[in-house]
C-alpha cells in the first residue's frame, strides 16, 4: 500500500511545481514608482476591435508558444497607466515580449468590452482595474481569482509588479 503525503508534504510539492513553472523575472533598476517615466499616458485605444485583437493574439501565442496577457483597463486609471509603463521599461519589455502576447483592452468605466472576460469564463463583475487575464495559447484562463491583484499598482514596488508578471509567464 502506497502512503499518501500529508498536508505539509502536499503543500511543499505544490510550491515546488509552482516554482518550477514560474519564469525568472528581470531585475528592475527602478526602485520607486515616483521615478517611473510615463512614456504612454493613454495606453488603451478606445476605438480598437478588442475581439479581433484577442483572436490575433491567441493565434500568435499558439504559433510562438507564448501566453496571452489581456490587460483590461482604462486611460482614466492611474494603476493601469503605471502597469503599462512598467511593462515598457527597457529591462522589462523584452521579458514581456518573450513570454506574452499582450492585448490592451479598453474597458471604459467597467462598461465596455466586458464580453472579453465572459468569453474566458469570468462570470462575476470585475471590481478593479487593471484586470489581467492570463491565458494559455488555447485560451484557458490561468489566473482566475487573481485578475485584479495589480489594481493597486501605484502603491507597489516596480519589482513586485514584474514578479507578478513572471509568476504567470510559465
N, C-alpha and C. Protein backbone atom coordinates (compact mmCIF):
# COMPACT_ATOMS: atom_id res chain seq x y z
N UNK A 1 0.83 -1.17 0.00
CA UNK A 1 0.00 0.00 0.00
C UNK A 1 0.89 1.24 0.00
N UNK A 2 0.62 2.18 -0.95
CA UNK A 2 1.41 3.40 -1.05
C UNK A 2 0.90 4.43 -0.06
N UNK A 3 1.81 5.05 0.67
CA UNK A 3 1.44 6.06 1.64
C UNK A 3 1.21 7.39 0.93
N UNK A 4 0.10 8.06 1.27
CA UNK A 4 -0.20 9.36 0.68
C UNK A 4 0.53 10.44 1.47
N UNK A 5 0.99 11.50 0.79
CA UNK A 5 1.70 12.55 1.51
C UNK A 5 0.74 13.29 2.43
N UNK A 6 1.27 13.75 3.55
CA UNK A 6 0.49 14.57 4.46
C UNK A 6 0.28 15.96 3.88
N UNK A 7 -0.45 16.77 4.60
CA UNK A 7 -0.77 18.12 4.15
C UNK A 7 0.50 18.92 3.87
N UNK A 8 1.46 18.89 4.78
CA UNK A 8 2.70 19.65 4.61
C UNK A 8 3.44 19.18 3.36
N UNK A 9 3.51 17.88 3.18
CA UNK A 9 4.18 17.33 2.00
C UNK A 9 3.49 17.75 0.72
N UNK A 10 2.17 17.79 0.75
CA UNK A 10 1.41 18.22 -0.43
C UNK A 10 1.68 19.69 -0.74
N UNK A 11 1.70 20.52 0.29
CA UNK A 11 1.97 21.95 0.09
C UNK A 11 3.37 22.15 -0.48
N UNK A 12 4.36 21.45 0.05
CA UNK A 12 5.73 21.57 -0.45
C UNK A 12 5.81 21.11 -1.90
N UNK A 13 5.12 20.04 -2.22
CA UNK A 13 5.10 19.55 -3.60
C UNK A 13 4.48 20.59 -4.52
N UNK A 14 3.34 21.15 -4.13
CA UNK A 14 2.66 22.14 -4.96
C UNK A 14 3.51 23.40 -5.11
N UNK A 15 4.17 23.85 -4.06
CA UNK A 15 5.04 25.01 -4.16
C UNK A 15 6.20 24.74 -5.10
N UNK A 16 6.74 23.55 -5.05
CA UNK A 16 7.82 23.19 -5.95
C UNK A 16 7.38 23.18 -7.40
N UNK A 17 6.17 22.68 -7.65
CA UNK A 17 5.62 22.68 -9.01
C UNK A 17 5.40 24.10 -9.48
N UNK A 18 4.84 24.95 -8.62
CA UNK A 18 4.59 26.35 -9.00
C UNK A 18 5.90 27.06 -9.29
N UNK A 19 6.91 26.84 -8.46
CA UNK A 19 8.20 27.50 -8.66
C UNK A 19 8.85 27.02 -9.95
N UNK A 20 8.68 25.76 -10.28
CA UNK A 20 9.27 25.22 -11.49
C UNK A 20 8.65 25.83 -12.74
N UNK A 21 7.39 26.27 -12.64
CA UNK A 21 6.70 26.83 -13.80
C UNK A 21 6.82 28.35 -13.91
N UNK A 22 7.22 29.02 -12.85
CA UNK A 22 7.35 30.47 -12.90
C UNK A 22 8.62 30.83 -13.66
N UNK A 23 8.52 31.89 -14.45
CA UNK A 23 9.69 32.37 -15.19
C UNK A 23 10.54 33.24 -14.27
N UNK A 24 11.81 33.31 -14.55
CA UNK A 24 12.72 34.14 -13.77
C UNK A 24 12.49 35.60 -14.17
N UNK A 25 12.07 36.45 -13.23
CA UNK A 25 11.79 37.84 -13.58
C UNK A 25 13.07 38.64 -13.79
N UNK A 26 13.02 39.63 -14.66
CA UNK A 26 14.18 40.52 -14.78
C UNK A 26 14.26 41.39 -13.53
N UNK A 27 15.44 41.87 -13.24
CA UNK A 27 15.63 42.78 -12.12
C UNK A 27 15.34 44.19 -12.60
N UNK A 28 14.47 44.87 -11.89
CA UNK A 28 14.09 46.22 -12.26
C UNK A 28 15.00 47.19 -11.51
N UNK A 29 15.64 48.07 -12.24
CA UNK A 29 16.55 49.03 -11.60
C UNK A 29 15.78 50.15 -10.90
N UNK A 30 14.60 50.42 -11.35
CA UNK A 30 13.76 51.46 -10.77
C UNK A 30 13.22 50.98 -9.42
N UNK A 31 13.55 51.69 -8.36
CA UNK A 31 13.14 51.27 -7.02
C UNK A 31 11.80 51.83 -6.60
N UNK A 32 11.45 53.03 -7.08
CA UNK A 32 10.21 53.68 -6.67
C UNK A 32 9.44 54.15 -7.90
N UNK A 33 8.14 54.02 -7.84
CA UNK A 33 7.31 54.40 -8.98
C UNK A 33 7.33 55.90 -9.25
N UNK A 34 7.71 56.70 -8.26
CA UNK A 34 7.79 58.14 -8.47
C UNK A 34 8.78 58.48 -9.59
N UNK A 35 9.74 57.61 -9.82
CA UNK A 35 10.74 57.84 -10.86
C UNK A 35 10.36 57.18 -12.20
N UNK A 36 9.20 56.55 -12.27
CA UNK A 36 8.78 55.85 -13.49
C UNK A 36 8.54 56.85 -14.63
N UNK A 37 9.22 56.67 -15.75
CA UNK A 37 8.92 57.54 -16.89
C UNK A 37 7.57 57.14 -17.50
N UNK A 38 6.68 58.09 -17.61
CA UNK A 38 5.37 57.82 -18.21
C UNK A 38 5.48 58.15 -19.69
N UNK A 39 5.86 57.16 -20.47
CA UNK A 39 6.02 57.34 -21.91
C UNK A 39 4.68 57.32 -22.63
N UNK A 40 3.74 56.56 -22.08
CA UNK A 40 2.42 56.44 -22.71
C UNK A 40 1.36 56.76 -21.65
N UNK A 41 0.86 58.00 -21.65
CA UNK A 41 -0.13 58.38 -20.64
C UNK A 41 -1.53 57.83 -20.91
N UNK A 42 -1.79 57.39 -22.14
CA UNK A 42 -3.10 56.83 -22.51
C UNK A 42 -2.88 55.56 -23.32
N UNK A 43 -2.61 54.43 -22.64
CA UNK A 43 -2.23 53.22 -23.37
C UNK A 43 -3.37 52.47 -24.06
N UNK A 44 -4.61 52.75 -23.69
CA UNK A 44 -5.74 51.98 -24.22
C UNK A 44 -6.38 52.69 -25.40
N UNK A 45 -6.51 51.97 -26.52
CA UNK A 45 -7.12 52.50 -27.73
C UNK A 45 -8.63 52.31 -27.63
N UNK A 46 -9.36 53.40 -27.47
CA UNK A 46 -10.80 53.34 -27.28
C UNK A 46 -11.54 52.85 -28.52
N UNK A 47 -10.91 52.93 -29.68
CA UNK A 47 -11.59 52.53 -30.92
C UNK A 47 -11.16 51.14 -31.41
N UNK A 48 -10.30 50.47 -30.69
CA UNK A 48 -9.79 49.16 -31.13
C UNK A 48 -10.89 48.10 -31.09
N UNK A 49 -10.78 47.14 -31.99
CA UNK A 49 -11.67 45.99 -32.01
C UNK A 49 -11.06 44.92 -31.10
N UNK A 50 -11.48 44.92 -29.85
CA UNK A 50 -10.88 44.04 -28.84
C UNK A 50 -11.02 42.57 -29.20
N UNK A 51 -12.16 42.17 -29.72
CA UNK A 51 -12.36 40.76 -30.08
C UNK A 51 -11.36 40.33 -31.15
N UNK A 52 -11.16 41.17 -32.17
CA UNK A 52 -10.20 40.84 -33.23
C UNK A 52 -8.78 40.79 -32.67
N UNK A 53 -8.44 41.72 -31.78
CA UNK A 53 -7.11 41.74 -31.18
C UNK A 53 -6.86 40.49 -30.34
N UNK A 54 -7.86 40.07 -29.59
CA UNK A 54 -7.71 38.87 -28.76
C UNK A 54 -7.54 37.64 -29.65
N UNK A 55 -8.34 37.55 -30.70
CA UNK A 55 -8.21 36.41 -31.62
C UNK A 55 -6.83 36.35 -32.25
N UNK A 56 -6.32 37.51 -32.68
CA UNK A 56 -4.99 37.55 -33.29
C UNK A 56 -3.91 37.17 -32.27
N UNK A 57 -4.05 37.65 -31.03
CA UNK A 57 -3.06 37.33 -30.00
C UNK A 57 -3.06 35.84 -29.68
N UNK A 58 -4.24 35.24 -29.61
CA UNK A 58 -4.31 33.79 -29.35
C UNK A 58 -3.64 33.00 -30.47
N UNK A 59 -3.89 33.38 -31.71
CA UNK A 59 -3.28 32.69 -32.85
C UNK A 59 -1.76 32.83 -32.81
N UNK A 60 -1.28 34.03 -32.54
CA UNK A 60 0.17 34.26 -32.49
C UNK A 60 0.79 33.52 -31.30
N UNK A 61 0.12 33.54 -30.16
CA UNK A 61 0.64 32.84 -28.97
C UNK A 61 0.75 31.35 -29.24
N UNK A 62 -0.24 30.80 -29.91
CA UNK A 62 -0.22 29.36 -30.21
C UNK A 62 0.96 29.04 -31.13
N UNK A 63 1.18 29.89 -32.13
CA UNK A 63 2.27 29.66 -33.07
C UNK A 63 3.64 29.82 -32.43
N UNK A 64 3.74 30.71 -31.42
CA UNK A 64 5.04 31.01 -30.82
C UNK A 64 5.24 30.41 -29.43
N UNK A 65 4.25 29.65 -28.94
CA UNK A 65 4.38 29.02 -27.64
C UNK A 65 4.41 30.00 -26.48
N UNK A 66 3.60 31.03 -26.57
CA UNK A 66 3.54 32.05 -25.52
C UNK A 66 2.19 32.02 -24.82
N UNK A 67 2.08 32.82 -23.80
CA UNK A 67 0.80 33.06 -23.13
C UNK A 67 0.24 34.38 -23.64
N UNK A 68 -1.02 34.59 -23.36
CA UNK A 68 -1.68 35.84 -23.72
C UNK A 68 -1.97 36.60 -22.43
N UNK A 69 -1.64 37.87 -22.44
CA UNK A 69 -1.93 38.74 -21.30
C UNK A 69 -2.94 39.78 -21.78
N UNK A 70 -4.17 39.63 -21.31
CA UNK A 70 -5.21 40.60 -21.61
C UNK A 70 -5.22 41.62 -20.49
N UNK A 71 -4.81 42.82 -20.80
CA UNK A 71 -4.72 43.91 -19.84
C UNK A 71 -5.95 44.78 -20.04
N UNK A 72 -6.95 44.57 -19.18
CA UNK A 72 -8.20 45.33 -19.28
C UNK A 72 -8.12 46.52 -18.33
N UNK A 73 -8.29 47.70 -18.89
CA UNK A 73 -8.20 48.90 -18.08
C UNK A 73 -8.74 50.11 -18.82
N UNK A 74 -8.38 51.25 -18.32
CA UNK A 74 -8.83 52.50 -18.93
C UNK A 74 -7.80 53.59 -18.74
N UNK A 75 -7.80 54.54 -19.65
CA UNK A 75 -6.85 55.64 -19.60
C UNK A 75 -7.07 56.54 -18.39
N UNK A 76 -8.22 56.46 -17.77
CA UNK A 76 -8.56 57.23 -16.57
C UNK A 76 -7.91 56.65 -15.31
N UNK A 77 -7.42 55.42 -15.40
CA UNK A 77 -6.96 54.65 -14.24
C UNK A 77 -5.45 54.79 -14.04
N UNK A 78 -5.02 55.42 -12.94
CA UNK A 78 -3.58 55.57 -12.72
C UNK A 78 -2.85 54.23 -12.57
N UNK A 79 -3.48 53.24 -11.97
CA UNK A 79 -2.84 51.93 -11.82
C UNK A 79 -2.62 51.27 -13.18
N UNK A 80 -3.55 51.48 -14.10
CA UNK A 80 -3.44 50.93 -15.45
C UNK A 80 -2.28 51.58 -16.21
N UNK A 81 -2.18 52.90 -16.10
CA UNK A 81 -1.12 53.64 -16.78
C UNK A 81 0.24 53.23 -16.21
N UNK A 82 0.31 53.06 -14.90
CA UNK A 82 1.57 52.64 -14.27
C UNK A 82 1.96 51.25 -14.76
N UNK A 83 1.03 50.31 -14.75
CA UNK A 83 1.34 48.95 -15.22
C UNK A 83 1.86 48.98 -16.65
N UNK A 84 1.17 49.69 -17.51
CA UNK A 84 1.57 49.76 -18.91
C UNK A 84 2.98 50.31 -19.07
N UNK A 85 3.31 51.32 -18.29
CA UNK A 85 4.63 51.92 -18.40
C UNK A 85 5.71 51.09 -17.73
N UNK A 86 5.39 50.36 -16.67
CA UNK A 86 6.36 49.42 -16.09
C UNK A 86 6.70 48.35 -17.13
N UNK A 87 5.70 47.87 -17.85
CA UNK A 87 5.96 46.83 -18.87
C UNK A 87 6.80 47.36 -20.02
N UNK A 88 6.91 48.68 -20.16
CA UNK A 88 7.72 49.29 -21.22
C UNK A 88 9.16 49.60 -20.79
N UNK A 89 9.47 49.41 -19.52
CA UNK A 89 10.83 49.67 -19.06
C UNK A 89 11.82 48.83 -19.87
N UNK A 90 13.00 49.36 -20.16
CA UNK A 90 13.96 48.63 -21.01
C UNK A 90 14.32 47.24 -20.52
N UNK A 91 14.36 47.03 -19.21
CA UNK A 91 14.70 45.70 -18.70
C UNK A 91 13.49 44.78 -18.62
N UNK A 92 12.28 45.32 -18.75
CA UNK A 92 11.06 44.53 -18.61
C UNK A 92 10.45 44.19 -19.98
N UNK A 93 10.48 45.12 -20.90
CA UNK A 93 9.83 44.92 -22.21
C UNK A 93 10.28 43.64 -22.93
N UNK A 94 11.58 43.33 -22.98
CA UNK A 94 11.97 42.08 -23.66
C UNK A 94 11.42 40.83 -22.96
N UNK A 95 11.36 40.87 -21.63
CA UNK A 95 10.80 39.74 -20.88
C UNK A 95 9.33 39.55 -21.23
N UNK A 96 8.57 40.64 -21.20
CA UNK A 96 7.14 40.57 -21.53
C UNK A 96 6.96 40.05 -22.95
N UNK A 97 7.73 40.58 -23.89
CA UNK A 97 7.62 40.15 -25.29
C UNK A 97 7.98 38.68 -25.48
N UNK A 98 8.92 38.18 -24.68
CA UNK A 98 9.34 36.78 -24.80
C UNK A 98 8.30 35.81 -24.27
N UNK A 99 7.47 36.26 -23.34
CA UNK A 99 6.55 35.35 -22.66
C UNK A 99 5.07 35.57 -23.00
N UNK A 100 4.72 36.75 -23.45
CA UNK A 100 3.30 37.09 -23.63
C UNK A 100 3.02 37.75 -24.97
N UNK A 101 1.83 37.49 -25.46
CA UNK A 101 1.21 38.35 -26.46
C UNK A 101 0.28 39.24 -25.64
N UNK A 102 0.54 40.52 -25.64
CA UNK A 102 -0.21 41.45 -24.80
C UNK A 102 -1.29 42.16 -25.62
N UNK A 103 -2.49 42.20 -25.05
CA UNK A 103 -3.59 42.96 -25.66
C UNK A 103 -4.10 43.94 -24.61
N UNK A 104 -4.04 45.22 -24.94
CA UNK A 104 -4.60 46.25 -24.07
C UNK A 104 -6.05 46.44 -24.48
N UNK A 105 -6.96 46.14 -23.56
CA UNK A 105 -8.39 46.20 -23.83
C UNK A 105 -9.00 47.34 -23.03
N UNK A 106 -9.53 48.33 -23.74
CA UNK A 106 -10.21 49.43 -23.07
C UNK A 106 -11.54 48.93 -22.52
N UNK A 107 -11.71 49.02 -21.21
CA UNK A 107 -12.97 48.58 -20.62
C UNK A 107 -13.82 49.75 -20.15
N UNK A 108 -13.51 50.93 -20.67
CA UNK A 108 -14.28 52.10 -20.29
C UNK A 108 -14.30 52.24 -18.78
N UNK A 109 -15.47 52.49 -18.24
CA UNK A 109 -15.66 52.56 -16.79
C UNK A 109 -16.38 51.29 -16.34
N UNK A 110 -15.77 50.15 -16.70
CA UNK A 110 -16.31 48.81 -16.40
C UNK A 110 -17.60 48.56 -17.19
N UNK A 111 -17.71 49.18 -18.38
CA UNK A 111 -18.93 49.04 -19.17
C UNK A 111 -18.64 48.80 -20.66
N UNK A 112 -17.40 48.49 -21.00
CA UNK A 112 -17.04 48.32 -22.40
C UNK A 112 -16.20 47.05 -22.54
N UNK A 113 -16.42 46.31 -23.59
CA UNK A 113 -15.67 45.08 -23.90
C UNK A 113 -15.75 44.03 -22.80
N UNK A 114 -16.84 44.03 -22.05
CA UNK A 114 -16.98 43.07 -20.97
C UNK A 114 -17.32 41.67 -21.47
N UNK A 115 -17.53 41.53 -22.77
CA UNK A 115 -17.70 40.21 -23.36
C UNK A 115 -16.38 39.44 -23.35
N UNK A 116 -15.28 40.16 -23.28
CA UNK A 116 -13.96 39.51 -23.32
C UNK A 116 -13.76 38.62 -22.09
N UNK A 117 -13.89 39.13 -20.87
CA UNK A 117 -13.70 38.21 -19.72
C UNK A 117 -14.74 37.09 -19.70
N UNK A 118 -15.97 37.39 -20.11
CA UNK A 118 -17.01 36.35 -20.14
C UNK A 118 -16.61 35.22 -21.07
N UNK A 119 -15.97 35.57 -22.16
CA UNK A 119 -15.52 34.58 -23.14
C UNK A 119 -14.59 33.54 -22.51
N UNK A 120 -13.87 33.95 -21.47
CA UNK A 120 -12.90 33.07 -20.83
C UNK A 120 -13.36 32.59 -19.46
N UNK A 121 -14.66 32.67 -19.22
CA UNK A 121 -15.24 32.07 -18.03
C UNK A 121 -15.37 32.98 -16.82
N UNK A 122 -15.06 34.25 -16.96
CA UNK A 122 -15.22 35.18 -15.84
C UNK A 122 -16.68 35.62 -15.84
N UNK A 123 -17.41 35.15 -14.85
CA UNK A 123 -18.85 35.41 -14.82
C UNK A 123 -19.24 36.56 -13.91
N UNK A 124 -18.43 36.84 -12.91
CA UNK A 124 -18.75 37.92 -11.98
C UNK A 124 -18.32 39.27 -12.53
N UNK A 125 -18.76 40.30 -11.85
CA UNK A 125 -18.39 41.67 -12.22
C UNK A 125 -16.93 41.91 -11.82
N UNK A 126 -16.17 42.49 -12.71
CA UNK A 126 -14.79 42.86 -12.40
C UNK A 126 -14.84 44.13 -11.57
N UNK A 127 -14.18 44.10 -10.43
CA UNK A 127 -14.27 45.19 -9.46
C UNK A 127 -13.03 46.05 -9.37
N UNK A 128 -12.06 45.87 -10.21
CA UNK A 128 -10.85 46.67 -10.14
C UNK A 128 -10.18 46.77 -11.50
N UNK A 129 -9.29 47.75 -11.61
CA UNK A 129 -8.54 47.93 -12.84
C UNK A 129 -7.11 48.29 -12.47
N UNK A 130 -6.15 47.75 -13.20
CA UNK A 130 -6.35 46.86 -14.33
C UNK A 130 -6.79 45.47 -13.88
N UNK A 131 -7.49 44.82 -14.78
CA UNK A 131 -7.82 43.40 -14.60
C UNK A 131 -7.00 42.65 -15.64
N UNK A 132 -6.20 41.71 -15.17
CA UNK A 132 -5.31 40.98 -16.06
C UNK A 132 -5.77 39.55 -16.21
N UNK A 133 -6.04 39.15 -17.43
CA UNK A 133 -6.40 37.77 -17.72
C UNK A 133 -5.21 37.13 -18.40
N UNK A 134 -4.65 36.12 -17.76
CA UNK A 134 -3.53 35.38 -18.33
C UNK A 134 -4.12 34.10 -18.92
N UNK A 135 -3.88 33.91 -20.20
CA UNK A 135 -4.42 32.76 -20.92
C UNK A 135 -3.29 31.91 -21.46
N UNK A 136 -3.51 30.59 -21.49
CA UNK A 136 -2.55 29.78 -22.22
C UNK A 136 -2.88 29.92 -23.71
N UNK A 137 -2.09 29.33 -24.57
CA UNK A 137 -2.27 29.53 -26.01
C UNK A 137 -3.55 28.89 -26.55
N UNK A 138 -4.21 28.07 -25.73
CA UNK A 138 -5.51 27.50 -26.12
C UNK A 138 -6.68 28.34 -25.61
N UNK A 139 -6.38 29.43 -24.90
CA UNK A 139 -7.44 30.30 -24.40
C UNK A 139 -7.96 29.92 -23.02
N UNK A 140 -7.26 29.06 -22.32
CA UNK A 140 -7.68 28.69 -20.97
C UNK A 140 -7.20 29.76 -19.99
N UNK A 141 -8.11 30.27 -19.16
CA UNK A 141 -7.77 31.27 -18.17
C UNK A 141 -6.94 30.63 -17.07
N UNK A 142 -5.76 31.18 -16.82
CA UNK A 142 -4.84 30.60 -15.85
C UNK A 142 -4.86 31.30 -14.49
N UNK A 143 -5.24 32.56 -14.47
CA UNK A 143 -5.15 33.33 -13.23
C UNK A 143 -6.51 33.68 -12.62
N UNK A 144 -7.47 32.79 -12.79
CA UNK A 144 -8.79 33.02 -12.18
C UNK A 144 -8.61 33.25 -10.68
N UNK A 145 -9.32 34.22 -10.17
CA UNK A 145 -9.19 34.56 -8.76
C UNK A 145 -8.08 35.54 -8.47
N UNK A 146 -7.30 35.90 -9.48
CA UNK A 146 -6.17 36.80 -9.30
C UNK A 146 -6.19 37.97 -10.29
N UNK A 147 -7.32 38.20 -10.92
CA UNK A 147 -7.40 39.16 -12.03
C UNK A 147 -7.05 40.58 -11.64
N UNK A 148 -7.39 40.98 -10.44
CA UNK A 148 -7.19 42.38 -10.06
C UNK A 148 -6.11 42.57 -9.00
N UNK A 149 -5.17 41.67 -8.95
CA UNK A 149 -4.09 41.79 -7.96
C UNK A 149 -3.17 42.98 -8.20
N UNK A 150 -3.18 43.53 -9.39
CA UNK A 150 -2.35 44.71 -9.67
C UNK A 150 -3.17 45.99 -9.72
N UNK A 151 -4.39 45.95 -9.20
CA UNK A 151 -5.22 47.16 -9.22
C UNK A 151 -4.76 48.20 -8.20
N UNK A 152 -3.72 47.89 -7.48
CA UNK A 152 -3.08 48.85 -6.57
C UNK A 152 -1.63 49.07 -7.01
N UNK A 153 -1.38 49.01 -8.29
CA UNK A 153 -0.03 49.12 -8.83
C UNK A 153 0.67 50.38 -8.35
N UNK A 154 -0.07 51.45 -8.17
CA UNK A 154 0.57 52.72 -7.76
C UNK A 154 1.14 52.67 -6.34
N UNK A 155 0.76 51.67 -5.57
CA UNK A 155 1.32 51.54 -4.22
C UNK A 155 2.29 50.37 -4.10
N UNK A 156 2.65 49.79 -5.24
CA UNK A 156 3.56 48.64 -5.26
C UNK A 156 4.96 49.08 -5.68
N UNK A 157 5.92 48.26 -5.39
CA UNK A 157 7.27 48.47 -5.90
C UNK A 157 7.30 47.93 -7.34
N UNK A 158 8.04 48.58 -8.23
CA UNK A 158 8.12 48.09 -9.61
C UNK A 158 8.51 46.61 -9.70
N UNK A 159 9.43 46.16 -8.84
CA UNK A 159 9.84 44.75 -8.89
C UNK A 159 8.69 43.82 -8.55
N UNK A 160 7.81 44.22 -7.65
CA UNK A 160 6.65 43.38 -7.30
C UNK A 160 5.71 43.22 -8.49
N UNK A 161 5.56 44.26 -9.28
CA UNK A 161 4.72 44.18 -10.49
C UNK A 161 5.34 43.18 -11.46
N UNK A 162 6.63 43.30 -11.67
CA UNK A 162 7.33 42.40 -12.60
C UNK A 162 7.33 40.97 -12.08
N UNK A 163 7.47 40.81 -10.78
CA UNK A 163 7.42 39.46 -10.19
C UNK A 163 6.06 38.82 -10.45
N UNK A 164 4.99 39.59 -10.37
CA UNK A 164 3.65 39.07 -10.66
C UNK A 164 3.60 38.59 -12.11
N UNK A 165 4.08 39.39 -13.02
CA UNK A 165 4.09 39.01 -14.44
C UNK A 165 4.90 37.74 -14.65
N UNK A 166 6.03 37.64 -13.97
CA UNK A 166 6.90 36.46 -14.12
C UNK A 166 6.22 35.21 -13.56
N UNK A 167 5.49 35.38 -12.46
CA UNK A 167 4.80 34.24 -11.84
C UNK A 167 3.87 33.56 -12.85
N UNK A 168 3.16 34.36 -13.63
CA UNK A 168 2.17 33.79 -14.56
C UNK A 168 2.75 33.52 -15.95
N UNK A 169 4.01 33.87 -16.19
CA UNK A 169 4.60 33.71 -17.51
C UNK A 169 4.80 32.25 -17.89
N UNK A 170 4.87 31.39 -16.92
CA UNK A 170 5.00 29.96 -17.21
C UNK A 170 6.39 29.49 -17.49
